[in-house]
N, C-alpha and C. Protein backbone atom coordinates (compact mmCIF):
# COMPACT_ATOMS: atom_id res chain seq x y z
N MET A 1 0.87 -1.26 -0.05
CA MET A 1 0.01 0.21 0.11
C MET A 1 0.90 1.24 0.07
N PRO A 2 0.78 2.41 -1.07
CA PRO A 2 1.46 3.16 -0.96
C PRO A 2 1.59 4.32 0.24
N GLN A 3 2.47 4.84 0.80
CA GLN A 3 2.70 5.67 1.83
C GLN A 3 2.11 6.99 1.47
N LYS A 4 1.18 7.51 2.41
CA LYS A 4 1.01 9.10 2.10
C LYS A 4 2.07 9.89 2.19
N ASN A 5 2.13 11.05 1.46
CA ASN A 5 2.99 12.05 1.45
C ASN A 5 3.07 12.64 2.86
N ASP A 6 4.17 13.47 3.06
CA ASP A 6 4.27 13.90 4.56
C ASP A 6 3.12 15.19 4.55
N ASP A 7 2.95 15.87 3.62
CA ASP A 7 1.95 16.94 3.58
C ASP A 7 0.50 16.72 3.91
N LEU A 8 -0.07 15.33 3.23
CA LEU A 8 -1.14 14.92 3.29
C LEU A 8 -1.06 14.18 4.78
N ALA A 9 -0.16 13.56 5.13
CA ALA A 9 -0.43 13.00 6.56
C ALA A 9 -0.41 14.33 7.83
N ALA A 10 0.31 15.31 7.39
CA ALA A 10 0.15 16.34 8.42
C ALA A 10 -1.24 16.92 8.33
N LEU A 11 -1.81 17.13 7.03
CA LEU A 11 -3.20 17.75 7.20
C LEU A 11 -4.30 16.82 7.83
N GLU A 12 -3.96 15.56 7.51
CA GLU A 12 -5.06 14.58 8.12
C GLU A 12 -4.92 14.60 9.80
N ALA A 13 -3.54 14.73 10.27
CA ALA A 13 -3.29 14.63 11.62
C ALA A 13 -4.01 15.95 12.19
N PHE A 14 -3.95 17.04 11.33
CA PHE A 14 -4.47 18.32 11.99
C PHE A 14 -5.96 18.52 12.26
N LEU A 15 -6.59 17.73 11.19
CA LEU A 15 -8.16 17.74 10.73
C LEU A 15 -8.87 16.93 11.61
N VAL A 16 -8.04 15.43 12.04
CA VAL A 16 -8.71 14.34 12.49
C VAL A 16 -8.40 14.46 14.05
N ASN A 17 -9.49 14.38 14.96
CA ASN A 17 -9.38 14.37 16.49
C ASN A 17 -8.65 15.53 16.98
N ASN A 18 -8.81 16.43 16.63
CA ASN A 18 -8.40 17.74 17.01
C ASN A 18 -9.21 18.52 17.70
N PRO A 19 -9.10 18.49 19.14
CA PRO A 19 -10.00 19.15 19.91
C PRO A 19 -10.45 20.52 19.78
N GLU A 20 -9.21 21.29 19.59
CA GLU A 20 -9.16 22.72 19.66
C GLU A 20 -10.01 23.13 18.43
N LEU A 21 -9.65 22.54 17.34
CA LEU A 21 -10.59 22.61 16.04
C LEU A 21 -12.11 22.57 16.16
N GLU A 22 -12.10 21.50 16.81
CA GLU A 22 -13.68 21.02 17.02
C GLU A 22 -14.29 22.09 18.09
N ASN A 23 -13.52 22.70 18.88
CA ASN A 23 -14.05 23.77 19.82
C ASN A 23 -14.44 25.05 19.13
N LEU A 24 -13.40 25.32 17.97
CA LEU A 24 -13.51 26.54 17.20
C LEU A 24 -14.91 26.22 16.31
N GLU A 25 -15.05 25.17 15.89
CA GLU A 25 -16.01 24.94 14.94
C GLU A 25 -17.48 25.11 15.82
N SER A 26 -17.43 24.62 16.97
CA SER A 26 -18.49 24.68 18.00
C SER A 26 -18.89 26.00 18.27
N LEU A 27 -17.86 27.03 18.45
CA LEU A 27 -18.12 28.34 18.91
C LEU A 27 -18.61 28.89 17.74
N LEU A 28 -18.06 28.89 16.51
CA LEU A 28 -18.46 29.65 15.30
C LEU A 28 -19.89 29.11 14.97
N SER A 29 -20.55 28.07 15.19
CA SER A 29 -21.60 27.70 14.76
C SER A 29 -22.77 27.97 15.76
N GLN A 30 -22.39 28.49 16.79
CA GLN A 30 -23.41 29.12 17.83
C GLN A 30 -24.37 30.19 17.11
N ILE A 31 -25.62 30.22 17.31
CA ILE A 31 -26.52 31.11 16.59
C ILE A 31 -26.32 32.23 17.67
N ASN A 32 -26.36 33.48 16.98
CA ASN A 32 -26.20 34.75 17.65
C ASN A 32 -27.08 35.73 17.19
N ILE A 33 -28.03 36.36 17.97
CA ILE A 33 -29.03 37.16 17.40
C ILE A 33 -28.70 38.38 16.69
N PHE A 34 -27.48 38.91 17.27
CA PHE A 34 -26.83 40.11 16.82
C PHE A 34 -26.17 39.99 15.31
N GLU A 35 -25.67 38.73 15.31
CA GLU A 35 -24.93 38.32 14.00
C GLU A 35 -26.21 38.07 12.90
N VAL A 36 -27.34 37.48 13.43
CA VAL A 36 -28.38 37.19 12.40
C VAL A 36 -28.73 38.51 11.92
N LEU A 37 -29.01 39.66 12.72
CA LEU A 37 -29.71 40.87 12.37
C LEU A 37 -28.75 41.67 11.61
N GLY A 38 -27.42 41.34 11.48
CA GLY A 38 -26.47 42.05 10.76
C GLY A 38 -26.03 43.42 11.62
N ALA A 39 -25.89 43.13 12.80
CA ALA A 39 -25.60 44.37 13.69
C ALA A 39 -24.16 44.45 14.33
N VAL A 40 -23.50 43.38 13.65
CA VAL A 40 -22.22 43.41 14.46
C VAL A 40 -21.31 44.96 14.04
N ARG A 41 -21.25 45.30 12.92
CA ARG A 41 -20.35 46.68 12.61
C ARG A 41 -21.35 47.69 12.41
N GLN A 42 -22.46 47.54 12.99
CA GLN A 42 -23.44 48.92 12.69
C GLN A 42 -23.29 49.70 14.15
N GLU A 43 -22.86 51.01 14.10
CA GLU A 43 -22.59 51.69 15.23
C GLU A 43 -24.16 51.96 15.91
N ILE A 44 -24.85 52.16 14.77
CA ILE A 44 -26.18 52.47 15.35
C ILE A 44 -27.17 51.68 16.30
N ARG A 45 -26.66 50.20 15.84
CA ARG A 45 -27.15 48.99 16.80
C ARG A 45 -26.60 48.93 18.08
N HIS A 46 -25.37 49.14 18.21
CA HIS A 46 -24.66 49.11 19.32
C HIS A 46 -25.10 50.26 20.33
N SER A 47 -25.21 51.39 19.69
CA SER A 47 -25.81 52.67 20.40
C SER A 47 -27.25 52.31 21.13
N GLU A 48 -27.89 51.59 20.11
CA GLU A 48 -29.38 51.42 20.45
C GLU A 48 -29.44 50.47 21.74
N PHE A 49 -28.48 49.16 21.86
CA PHE A 49 -28.74 48.55 22.67
C PHE A 49 -28.08 49.05 23.99
N LEU A 50 -26.85 49.67 23.84
CA LEU A 50 -26.35 50.17 25.15
C LEU A 50 -27.32 51.45 25.88
N ALA A 51 -27.87 52.00 24.87
CA ALA A 51 -29.16 53.16 25.37
C ALA A 51 -30.12 52.21 26.12
N TYR A 52 -30.44 51.22 25.64
CA TYR A 52 -31.63 50.42 26.24
C TYR A 52 -30.99 49.95 27.81
N LEU A 53 -29.85 49.28 27.77
CA LEU A 53 -29.31 49.19 29.06
C LEU A 53 -28.99 50.18 30.01
N MET A 54 -28.79 51.50 29.62
CA MET A 54 -28.61 52.49 30.35
C MET A 54 -29.76 53.30 30.84
N ASN A 55 -31.06 52.90 30.26
CA ASN A 55 -32.08 53.60 30.74
C ASN A 55 -33.14 52.79 31.90
N PRO A 56 -32.86 53.58 32.81
CA PRO A 56 -33.71 52.84 34.20
C PRO A 56 -35.09 52.53 33.90
N GLN A 57 -35.72 53.24 32.97
CA GLN A 57 -37.11 53.31 32.57
C GLN A 57 -37.44 51.97 31.94
N GLU A 58 -36.56 51.42 31.29
CA GLU A 58 -36.62 50.36 30.25
C GLU A 58 -37.08 49.06 31.15
N ASN A 59 -37.71 47.89 30.20
CA ASN A 59 -38.15 46.75 30.90
C ASN A 59 -37.15 45.73 31.09
N HIS A 60 -35.85 45.92 31.25
CA HIS A 60 -34.68 44.89 31.37
C HIS A 60 -34.50 44.25 32.82
N GLY A 61 -35.10 45.33 33.71
CA GLY A 61 -35.27 44.87 35.16
C GLY A 61 -33.85 45.21 36.16
N LEU A 62 -32.92 46.16 35.22
CA LEU A 62 -31.88 46.53 35.90
C LEU A 62 -31.90 47.72 36.66
N GLY A 63 -33.05 48.45 36.30
CA GLY A 63 -33.04 49.84 36.89
C GLY A 63 -31.79 50.70 36.47
N ASP A 64 -31.03 51.25 37.41
CA ASP A 64 -29.91 52.17 37.04
C ASP A 64 -28.62 51.55 37.32
N TYR A 65 -28.66 50.31 37.53
CA TYR A 65 -27.52 49.45 37.77
C TYR A 65 -26.58 49.36 36.90
N PHE A 66 -26.82 49.19 35.58
CA PHE A 66 -25.73 48.97 34.42
C PHE A 66 -25.23 50.56 34.15
N VAL A 67 -26.18 51.57 34.02
CA VAL A 67 -25.59 53.00 33.88
C VAL A 67 -24.75 53.21 34.83
N ARG A 68 -24.98 52.96 35.95
CA ARG A 68 -24.02 53.38 37.31
C ARG A 68 -22.74 52.55 36.99
N ARG A 69 -22.75 51.23 36.91
CA ARG A 69 -21.59 50.58 36.64
C ARG A 69 -20.65 51.32 35.44
N PHE A 70 -21.29 51.46 34.30
CA PHE A 70 -20.67 52.02 33.17
C PHE A 70 -19.94 53.35 33.48
N LEU A 71 -20.89 54.46 34.27
CA LEU A 71 -20.03 55.85 34.77
C LEU A 71 -19.09 55.27 35.44
N GLN A 72 -19.03 54.42 36.71
CA GLN A 72 -18.09 54.00 37.55
C GLN A 72 -16.78 53.53 36.87
N ALA A 73 -17.11 52.68 35.65
CA ALA A 73 -15.74 52.43 34.95
C ALA A 73 -14.81 53.49 34.18
N VAL A 74 -15.74 54.32 33.81
CA VAL A 74 -15.13 55.70 33.11
C VAL A 74 -14.53 56.33 34.32
N VAL A 75 -15.05 56.77 35.30
CA VAL A 75 -14.61 57.57 36.38
C VAL A 75 -13.28 56.80 36.81
N SER A 76 -13.25 55.41 36.88
CA SER A 76 -12.15 54.63 37.35
C SER A 76 -10.78 54.98 36.47
N GLU A 77 -11.11 55.16 35.19
CA GLU A 77 -10.01 55.48 34.31
C GLU A 77 -9.65 56.86 34.00
N GLY A 78 -10.34 57.60 34.73
CA GLY A 78 -10.27 59.10 34.48
C GLY A 78 -9.15 59.75 35.26
N VAL A 79 -8.67 61.01 35.05
CA VAL A 79 -7.95 62.13 35.91
C VAL A 79 -8.79 62.58 36.89
N TYR A 80 -8.39 62.42 38.31
CA TYR A 80 -9.45 62.96 39.17
C TYR A 80 -9.83 64.40 38.99
N GLU A 81 -8.93 65.18 38.78
CA GLU A 81 -8.92 66.60 38.76
C GLU A 81 -9.80 66.94 37.82
N LYS A 82 -10.03 66.21 36.61
CA LYS A 82 -10.93 66.57 35.57
C LYS A 82 -12.51 66.10 35.66
N LEU A 83 -12.67 65.36 36.67
CA LEU A 83 -13.91 64.79 36.86
C LEU A 83 -14.97 65.47 37.48
N PRO A 84 -16.15 65.64 37.12
CA PRO A 84 -17.04 66.64 37.75
C PRO A 84 -17.84 65.91 38.94
N PHE A 85 -17.67 64.68 39.28
CA PHE A 85 -18.06 63.64 40.10
C PHE A 85 -17.00 62.72 40.41
N THR A 86 -17.30 61.99 41.42
CA THR A 86 -16.39 60.78 41.84
C THR A 86 -17.33 59.45 41.90
N GLY A 87 -16.58 58.50 42.11
CA GLY A 87 -17.23 57.18 42.19
C GLY A 87 -18.05 57.05 43.47
N ILE A 88 -17.73 57.97 44.42
CA ILE A 88 -18.34 57.91 45.72
C ILE A 88 -19.77 58.70 45.44
N ASP A 89 -20.00 59.54 44.42
CA ASP A 89 -20.89 60.25 44.12
C ASP A 89 -22.05 59.17 43.41
N LEU A 90 -21.32 58.53 42.72
CA LEU A 90 -22.04 57.53 41.85
C LEU A 90 -22.78 56.36 42.75
N ASP A 91 -22.27 56.08 43.62
CA ASP A 91 -22.77 54.98 44.87
C ASP A 91 -23.93 55.67 45.60
N ILE A 92 -23.89 56.85 45.69
CA ILE A 92 -24.85 57.61 46.52
C ILE A 92 -26.01 58.14 45.77
N TRP A 93 -25.70 58.70 44.48
CA TRP A 93 -26.79 59.01 43.54
C TRP A 93 -28.08 58.06 43.32
N ASP A 94 -29.12 58.77 43.05
CA ASP A 94 -30.19 57.98 42.52
C ASP A 94 -30.29 58.36 41.12
N LEU A 95 -30.09 57.46 40.37
CA LEU A 95 -30.16 57.80 38.50
C LEU A 95 -31.38 57.39 38.22
N SER A 96 -32.35 57.07 38.92
CA SER A 96 -33.88 56.42 38.28
C SER A 96 -34.49 57.37 37.38
N ASP A 97 -34.01 58.78 37.80
CA ASP A 97 -34.84 59.77 36.74
C ASP A 97 -34.22 59.87 35.51
N LEU A 98 -33.03 59.35 35.18
CA LEU A 98 -32.33 59.43 33.97
C LEU A 98 -32.93 59.30 32.81
N GLU A 99 -32.84 60.54 31.86
CA GLU A 99 -33.60 60.35 30.59
C GLU A 99 -32.32 60.08 29.54
N VAL A 100 -32.77 59.22 28.69
CA VAL A 100 -31.40 58.64 27.73
C VAL A 100 -32.17 59.32 26.27
N ARG A 101 -31.27 59.89 25.69
CA ARG A 101 -31.82 60.40 24.39
C ARG A 101 -30.83 59.77 23.25
N ARG A 102 -31.31 59.43 22.10
CA ARG A 102 -30.65 58.95 21.09
C ARG A 102 -30.51 59.95 19.79
N GLU A 103 -29.22 59.92 19.34
CA GLU A 103 -29.17 61.01 18.24
C GLU A 103 -29.59 62.39 18.35
N TRP A 104 -29.81 62.73 19.77
CA TRP A 104 -30.25 64.11 19.81
C TRP A 104 -28.90 65.30 19.38
N ARG A 105 -29.40 66.30 18.51
CA ARG A 105 -28.16 66.97 18.08
C ARG A 105 -26.88 66.23 17.42
N GLY A 106 -27.23 64.94 17.08
CA GLY A 106 -26.16 64.14 16.47
C GLY A 106 -25.43 63.54 17.37
N ILE A 107 -25.54 63.77 18.78
CA ILE A 107 -24.75 63.02 19.68
C ILE A 107 -25.28 61.47 19.75
N ASP A 108 -24.54 60.62 19.92
CA ASP A 108 -25.13 59.05 19.67
C ASP A 108 -25.96 59.04 20.87
N ILE A 109 -25.45 59.05 22.17
CA ILE A 109 -26.11 58.81 23.27
C ILE A 109 -25.93 60.15 24.44
N CYS A 110 -27.22 60.48 24.94
CA CYS A 110 -27.16 61.75 25.68
C CYS A 110 -27.97 61.25 27.06
N LEU A 111 -27.30 61.37 28.17
CA LEU A 111 -27.84 60.98 29.38
C LEU A 111 -28.19 62.35 30.26
N LEU A 112 -29.46 62.51 30.65
CA LEU A 112 -29.60 63.64 31.53
C LEU A 112 -30.49 63.39 32.56
N SER A 113 -29.92 64.17 33.73
CA SER A 113 -30.64 64.01 35.20
C SER A 113 -31.26 65.19 35.54
N SER A 114 -32.28 65.62 35.69
CA SER A 114 -32.75 66.96 36.08
C SER A 114 -32.56 67.31 37.56
N ARG A 115 -32.69 66.14 38.16
CA ARG A 115 -32.59 65.76 39.75
C ARG A 115 -31.23 66.40 40.20
N LEU A 116 -30.23 65.59 39.52
CA LEU A 116 -28.88 65.91 39.81
C LEU A 116 -28.28 66.94 38.89
N GLU A 117 -28.76 67.56 37.94
CA GLU A 117 -28.15 68.38 37.07
C GLU A 117 -27.04 67.93 36.32
N LEU A 118 -27.13 66.91 35.74
CA LEU A 118 -26.05 66.01 35.11
C LEU A 118 -26.30 65.84 33.75
N VAL A 119 -25.33 65.79 33.03
CA VAL A 119 -25.45 65.51 31.52
C VAL A 119 -24.28 64.80 31.17
N VAL A 120 -24.49 63.74 30.25
CA VAL A 120 -23.34 63.01 29.97
C VAL A 120 -23.52 62.76 28.36
N ASN A 121 -22.48 63.16 27.48
CA ASN A 121 -22.62 62.76 26.29
C ASN A 121 -21.53 61.68 25.85
N ILE A 122 -22.03 60.66 25.04
CA ILE A 122 -21.37 59.66 24.60
C ILE A 122 -21.32 59.54 23.17
N GLU A 123 -19.93 59.39 22.62
CA GLU A 123 -19.72 59.22 21.14
C GLU A 123 -19.25 57.85 21.13
N ASN A 124 -19.89 57.14 20.19
CA ASN A 124 -19.57 55.58 19.87
C ASN A 124 -18.96 55.23 18.62
N LYS A 125 -17.86 54.69 18.64
CA LYS A 125 -17.14 54.48 17.34
C LYS A 125 -16.80 52.99 17.23
N ILE A 126 -17.43 52.31 16.21
CA ILE A 126 -17.00 50.77 15.90
C ILE A 126 -16.01 50.81 14.83
N GLY A 127 -16.57 51.20 13.45
CA GLY A 127 -15.82 51.02 12.19
C GLY A 127 -15.25 52.21 11.72
N SER A 128 -15.52 53.36 12.48
CA SER A 128 -14.96 54.59 11.79
C SER A 128 -14.38 55.44 12.80
N GLY A 129 -13.61 56.49 12.32
CA GLY A 129 -12.97 57.16 13.31
C GLY A 129 -13.95 58.64 13.45
N GLU A 130 -12.87 59.47 14.17
CA GLU A 130 -13.61 61.00 14.54
C GLU A 130 -13.55 61.58 13.08
N HIS A 131 -14.45 62.48 12.86
CA HIS A 131 -14.44 63.45 11.69
C HIS A 131 -15.14 64.88 11.98
N SER A 132 -14.66 65.80 11.19
CA SER A 132 -15.43 66.95 11.31
C SER A 132 -15.16 67.82 12.68
N ASN A 133 -14.24 67.49 13.41
CA ASN A 133 -14.18 68.04 14.85
C ASN A 133 -15.33 67.83 15.39
N GLN A 134 -15.86 66.61 15.31
CA GLN A 134 -17.08 66.35 16.02
C GLN A 134 -17.19 66.35 17.57
N LEU A 135 -16.04 65.66 18.14
CA LEU A 135 -15.99 65.64 19.81
C LEU A 135 -16.20 66.92 20.30
N THR A 136 -15.38 67.97 19.57
CA THR A 136 -15.53 69.45 20.17
C THR A 136 -16.79 69.86 20.12
N ARG A 137 -17.41 69.63 18.84
CA ARG A 137 -18.74 70.17 18.60
C ARG A 137 -19.85 69.68 19.64
N TYR A 138 -19.70 68.57 19.71
CA TYR A 138 -20.70 67.78 20.83
C TYR A 138 -20.58 68.34 22.11
N ARG A 139 -19.45 68.65 22.84
CA ARG A 139 -19.08 69.05 23.81
C ARG A 139 -19.59 70.69 23.96
N GLN A 140 -19.40 71.50 22.88
CA GLN A 140 -19.62 72.73 22.80
C GLN A 140 -21.56 72.79 23.03
N ILE A 141 -21.89 71.78 22.22
CA ILE A 141 -23.66 71.97 22.14
C ILE A 141 -23.91 71.58 23.56
N ILE A 142 -23.15 70.58 24.39
CA ILE A 142 -23.60 70.35 25.99
C ILE A 142 -23.26 71.42 26.72
N GLN A 143 -22.36 72.17 26.54
CA GLN A 143 -21.86 73.35 27.30
C GLN A 143 -22.89 74.60 27.32
N HIS A 144 -23.27 74.66 25.87
CA HIS A 144 -24.34 75.65 25.30
C HIS A 144 -25.72 75.38 26.05
N GLU A 145 -26.23 74.19 25.96
CA GLU A 145 -27.54 73.82 26.44
C GLU A 145 -27.58 73.66 27.86
N PHE A 146 -26.52 73.07 28.55
CA PHE A 146 -26.55 73.14 30.06
C PHE A 146 -25.30 73.48 30.67
N PRO A 147 -25.17 75.05 30.52
CA PRO A 147 -24.10 75.71 31.09
C PRO A 147 -23.68 75.41 32.54
N LEU A 148 -24.89 75.34 33.57
CA LEU A 148 -24.53 75.12 34.81
C LEU A 148 -24.52 73.66 35.29
N TRP A 149 -24.85 72.74 34.51
CA TRP A 149 -24.93 71.34 34.89
C TRP A 149 -23.46 70.60 35.04
N LYS A 150 -23.52 69.57 35.80
CA LYS A 150 -22.08 68.90 35.84
C LYS A 150 -22.15 67.97 34.47
N LYS A 151 -20.93 68.11 33.92
CA LYS A 151 -21.08 67.51 32.38
C LYS A 151 -19.71 66.29 32.53
N LEU A 152 -20.16 65.41 31.57
CA LEU A 152 -19.23 64.34 31.37
C LEU A 152 -19.09 63.93 29.96
N SER A 153 -18.07 64.03 29.04
CA SER A 153 -18.01 63.52 27.70
C SER A 153 -17.23 62.20 27.57
N ILE A 154 -17.82 61.22 26.89
CA ILE A 154 -17.17 59.92 26.66
C ILE A 154 -16.82 59.49 25.43
N PHE A 155 -15.74 58.85 25.25
CA PHE A 155 -15.50 58.40 23.99
C PHE A 155 -15.40 56.93 23.95
N LEU A 156 -16.12 56.06 23.29
CA LEU A 156 -16.32 54.57 23.48
C LEU A 156 -15.96 54.07 22.07
N THR A 157 -14.80 53.45 22.34
CA THR A 157 -14.26 52.65 21.36
C THR A 157 -13.93 51.00 21.43
N PRO A 158 -13.57 50.26 20.24
CA PRO A 158 -13.23 48.85 20.72
C PRO A 158 -12.14 48.74 21.52
N GLU A 159 -11.12 49.34 21.33
CA GLU A 159 -9.74 49.49 22.06
C GLU A 159 -9.51 50.45 23.05
N GLY A 160 -10.46 51.44 23.15
CA GLY A 160 -10.24 52.19 24.00
C GLY A 160 -9.16 53.54 23.77
N GLU A 161 -9.65 53.87 22.23
CA GLU A 161 -8.72 54.72 21.64
C GLU A 161 -8.60 56.28 22.50
N MET A 162 -7.70 56.91 22.39
CA MET A 162 -7.52 58.23 23.00
C MET A 162 -8.30 59.24 22.09
N PRO A 163 -9.13 60.01 22.50
CA PRO A 163 -9.97 60.98 21.87
C PRO A 163 -8.99 62.40 21.79
N THR A 164 -9.32 62.86 20.58
CA THR A 164 -8.69 63.98 20.13
C THR A 164 -8.81 65.33 21.20
N ASP A 165 -10.08 65.13 21.62
CA ASP A 165 -10.66 66.52 22.58
C ASP A 165 -10.03 65.65 23.74
N ASP A 166 -9.04 66.55 24.51
CA ASP A 166 -8.63 66.03 25.72
C ASP A 166 -9.78 66.13 26.92
N ARG A 167 -10.69 66.88 26.91
CA ARG A 167 -11.73 66.90 27.69
C ARG A 167 -12.64 65.67 27.69
N TYR A 168 -12.57 64.84 26.90
CA TYR A 168 -13.30 63.58 26.81
C TYR A 168 -12.65 62.47 27.79
N PHE A 169 -13.43 61.71 28.52
CA PHE A 169 -12.94 60.35 28.83
C PHE A 169 -13.06 59.34 28.12
N TRP A 170 -12.19 58.26 28.21
CA TRP A 170 -12.61 57.11 27.19
C TRP A 170 -12.86 55.73 28.01
N ILE A 171 -13.61 54.97 27.20
CA ILE A 171 -13.80 53.59 27.78
C ILE A 171 -13.80 52.70 26.44
N SER A 172 -13.57 51.21 26.71
CA SER A 172 -13.42 50.36 25.65
C SER A 172 -14.67 49.36 25.58
N TYR A 173 -14.58 48.81 24.52
CA TYR A 173 -15.83 47.65 24.62
C TYR A 173 -15.39 46.45 25.35
N GLN A 174 -14.10 46.30 25.75
CA GLN A 174 -13.72 45.54 26.52
C GLN A 174 -14.24 45.69 27.67
N SER A 175 -14.41 46.89 28.24
CA SER A 175 -14.81 47.22 29.51
C SER A 175 -16.28 46.88 29.61
N ILE A 176 -16.97 47.26 28.37
CA ILE A 176 -18.46 47.14 28.37
C ILE A 176 -18.80 45.66 28.60
N CYS A 177 -18.08 44.74 27.60
CA CYS A 177 -18.13 43.33 27.81
C CYS A 177 -18.03 42.83 29.36
N LYS A 178 -17.01 43.48 30.01
CA LYS A 178 -16.71 42.81 31.49
C LYS A 178 -17.96 43.24 32.35
N ILE A 179 -18.41 44.58 32.10
CA ILE A 179 -19.59 44.87 33.14
C ILE A 179 -20.70 44.05 32.77
N ILE A 180 -20.94 43.91 31.38
CA ILE A 180 -22.36 42.96 31.35
C ILE A 180 -21.99 41.72 31.75
N GLU A 181 -20.98 41.01 31.35
CA GLU A 181 -20.75 39.60 31.87
C GLU A 181 -20.90 39.62 33.43
N ASP A 182 -20.37 40.67 34.06
CA ASP A 182 -20.54 40.61 35.49
C ASP A 182 -21.84 40.69 36.04
N ILE A 183 -22.57 41.55 35.28
CA ILE A 183 -23.94 41.78 35.72
C ILE A 183 -24.60 40.29 35.49
N VAL A 184 -24.53 39.63 34.41
CA VAL A 184 -25.04 38.39 34.00
C VAL A 184 -25.06 37.37 35.27
N THR A 185 -23.68 37.31 35.71
CA THR A 185 -23.29 36.48 36.67
C THR A 185 -23.95 36.71 38.11
N ALA A 186 -23.80 37.88 38.42
CA ALA A 186 -24.48 38.48 39.77
C ALA A 186 -25.96 38.48 39.80
N ARG A 187 -26.67 38.83 38.68
CA ARG A 187 -28.10 39.05 38.55
C ARG A 187 -28.77 37.52 38.04
N GLU A 188 -28.02 36.71 37.72
CA GLU A 188 -28.99 35.60 37.07
C GLU A 188 -30.14 35.02 37.52
N ALA A 189 -30.23 35.01 38.94
CA ALA A 189 -31.38 34.58 39.47
C ALA A 189 -32.47 35.57 39.64
N SER A 190 -32.24 36.87 39.38
CA SER A 190 -33.33 37.83 39.42
C SER A 190 -33.70 38.47 38.03
N LEU A 191 -32.89 38.22 37.15
CA LEU A 191 -33.37 38.77 35.64
C LEU A 191 -34.21 37.80 34.96
N GLU A 192 -34.88 38.35 33.79
CA GLU A 192 -35.64 37.43 33.25
C GLU A 192 -34.87 36.47 32.12
N PRO A 193 -35.19 35.44 31.93
CA PRO A 193 -34.26 34.51 31.03
C PRO A 193 -34.04 35.34 29.86
N ASP A 194 -35.13 36.09 29.06
CA ASP A 194 -34.89 36.58 27.82
C ASP A 194 -33.90 37.80 27.89
N VAL A 195 -33.73 38.55 28.93
CA VAL A 195 -32.92 39.58 29.23
C VAL A 195 -31.56 39.24 29.30
N LEU A 196 -31.22 38.09 30.12
CA LEU A 196 -29.99 37.29 30.47
C LEU A 196 -29.57 36.63 29.10
N SER A 197 -30.45 36.24 28.00
CA SER A 197 -29.91 35.57 26.77
C SER A 197 -29.64 36.67 26.12
N MET A 198 -30.23 38.10 26.03
CA MET A 198 -29.89 38.87 25.13
C MET A 198 -28.54 39.42 25.40
N MET A 199 -28.12 39.43 26.75
CA MET A 199 -26.92 40.22 27.18
C MET A 199 -26.09 39.22 26.85
N GLU A 200 -26.16 37.94 26.91
CA GLU A 200 -25.05 36.90 26.82
C GLU A 200 -24.65 36.94 25.12
N HIS A 201 -25.97 36.88 24.39
CA HIS A 201 -25.61 37.12 23.02
C HIS A 201 -24.79 38.18 22.62
N TYR A 202 -25.23 39.43 23.06
CA TYR A 202 -24.31 40.65 22.92
C TYR A 202 -22.87 40.65 23.37
N THR A 203 -22.57 40.06 24.43
CA THR A 203 -21.11 39.80 24.81
C THR A 203 -20.55 38.68 24.05
N ARG A 204 -21.33 37.81 23.59
CA ARG A 204 -20.40 37.04 22.92
C ARG A 204 -20.21 37.38 21.38
N MET A 205 -21.23 38.28 20.99
CA MET A 205 -20.76 38.87 19.54
C MET A 205 -19.68 39.70 19.91
N LEU A 206 -19.57 40.49 20.89
CA LEU A 206 -18.41 41.54 20.97
C LEU A 206 -17.10 40.59 20.97
N ARG A 207 -17.00 39.59 21.74
CA ARG A 207 -15.71 38.91 21.90
C ARG A 207 -15.56 38.16 20.66
N ARG A 208 -16.28 38.11 19.78
CA ARG A 208 -16.14 37.21 18.52
C ARG A 208 -15.78 38.37 17.33
N HIS A 209 -16.21 39.44 17.58
CA HIS A 209 -15.83 40.26 16.34
C HIS A 209 -15.31 41.87 16.82
N ILE A 210 -15.36 42.22 17.90
CA ILE A 210 -15.31 43.57 18.29
C ILE A 210 -13.96 43.86 19.09
N VAL A 211 -13.89 43.01 20.36
CA VAL A 211 -12.85 43.10 21.11
C VAL A 211 -11.54 42.20 20.89
N SER A 212 -10.50 42.68 21.33
CA SER A 212 -9.26 41.78 21.22
C SER A 212 -9.49 40.46 22.40
N GLY A 213 -8.49 39.61 22.25
CA GLY A 213 -8.23 38.73 23.35
C GLY A 213 -9.42 37.87 23.39
N SER A 214 -10.28 37.54 22.33
CA SER A 214 -11.44 36.77 22.61
C SER A 214 -10.93 35.24 22.62
N GLU A 215 -11.74 34.24 22.80
CA GLU A 215 -11.43 32.88 23.05
C GLU A 215 -11.31 32.33 21.58
N ILE A 216 -12.16 32.97 20.63
CA ILE A 216 -11.75 32.27 19.09
C ILE A 216 -10.61 32.87 18.65
N GLU A 217 -10.06 34.03 18.91
CA GLU A 217 -8.83 34.64 18.55
C GLU A 217 -7.70 33.56 19.40
N ALA A 218 -7.78 33.38 20.32
CA ALA A 218 -6.75 32.65 21.21
C ALA A 218 -6.89 31.12 20.48
N LEU A 219 -7.93 30.59 20.17
CA LEU A 219 -7.80 29.26 19.66
C LEU A 219 -7.21 29.33 18.31
N CYS A 220 -7.67 30.36 17.45
CA CYS A 220 -6.88 30.25 16.07
C CYS A 220 -5.56 30.50 16.10
N GLN A 221 -4.79 31.40 17.17
CA GLN A 221 -3.54 31.37 17.25
C GLN A 221 -2.86 30.05 17.65
N ARG A 222 -3.67 29.36 18.50
CA ARG A 222 -3.02 27.97 18.90
C ARG A 222 -3.07 27.05 17.77
N ILE A 223 -4.32 26.97 16.97
CA ILE A 223 -4.36 26.36 15.75
C ILE A 223 -3.46 26.43 14.62
């Protein structure tokens, strides 16, 4: 019987009984609602989902817990002297009156609390960069509309890129992913199954396509 050539033997050894390859195929074959809807690289879809989680009046059952954790993550990375409030303030404040606006004056997400006289503007970037001096323009809009309020401007990107306007604070989608995963673990017993499933689908999609250091990326490197 003729011997297999070395290349064919190596390919067969790679394909047959390779647990890491099987694991990769399993991960890639999992149905994900955000992938099905084509939302992976659509900034507007990410902004809509995050705005939903940030809104205490929505039906997710989180109240202001997600938005509080989000703002705490931003504050923890910020320069203390530049911050209009501290992490301690966020522990004390009641954010239940928060109003969440989408695409108001071109701003991706705007958070408003009349009770606290607080306004937060968030610029979200997935597949594009800054343009037309937009960060400064949005910050100036906020300053004009709410001159006496506490203000926080946030730049959200996959890897936590530095904003061109140094009055912005930055946060990465890696941090977003970690916040949601922690909430799923901590609130598994109290949240509705549909809400948990939706959050799990979102973080799985982020780790597949948006953030670095995913399980799929690590598997591919090993393979």
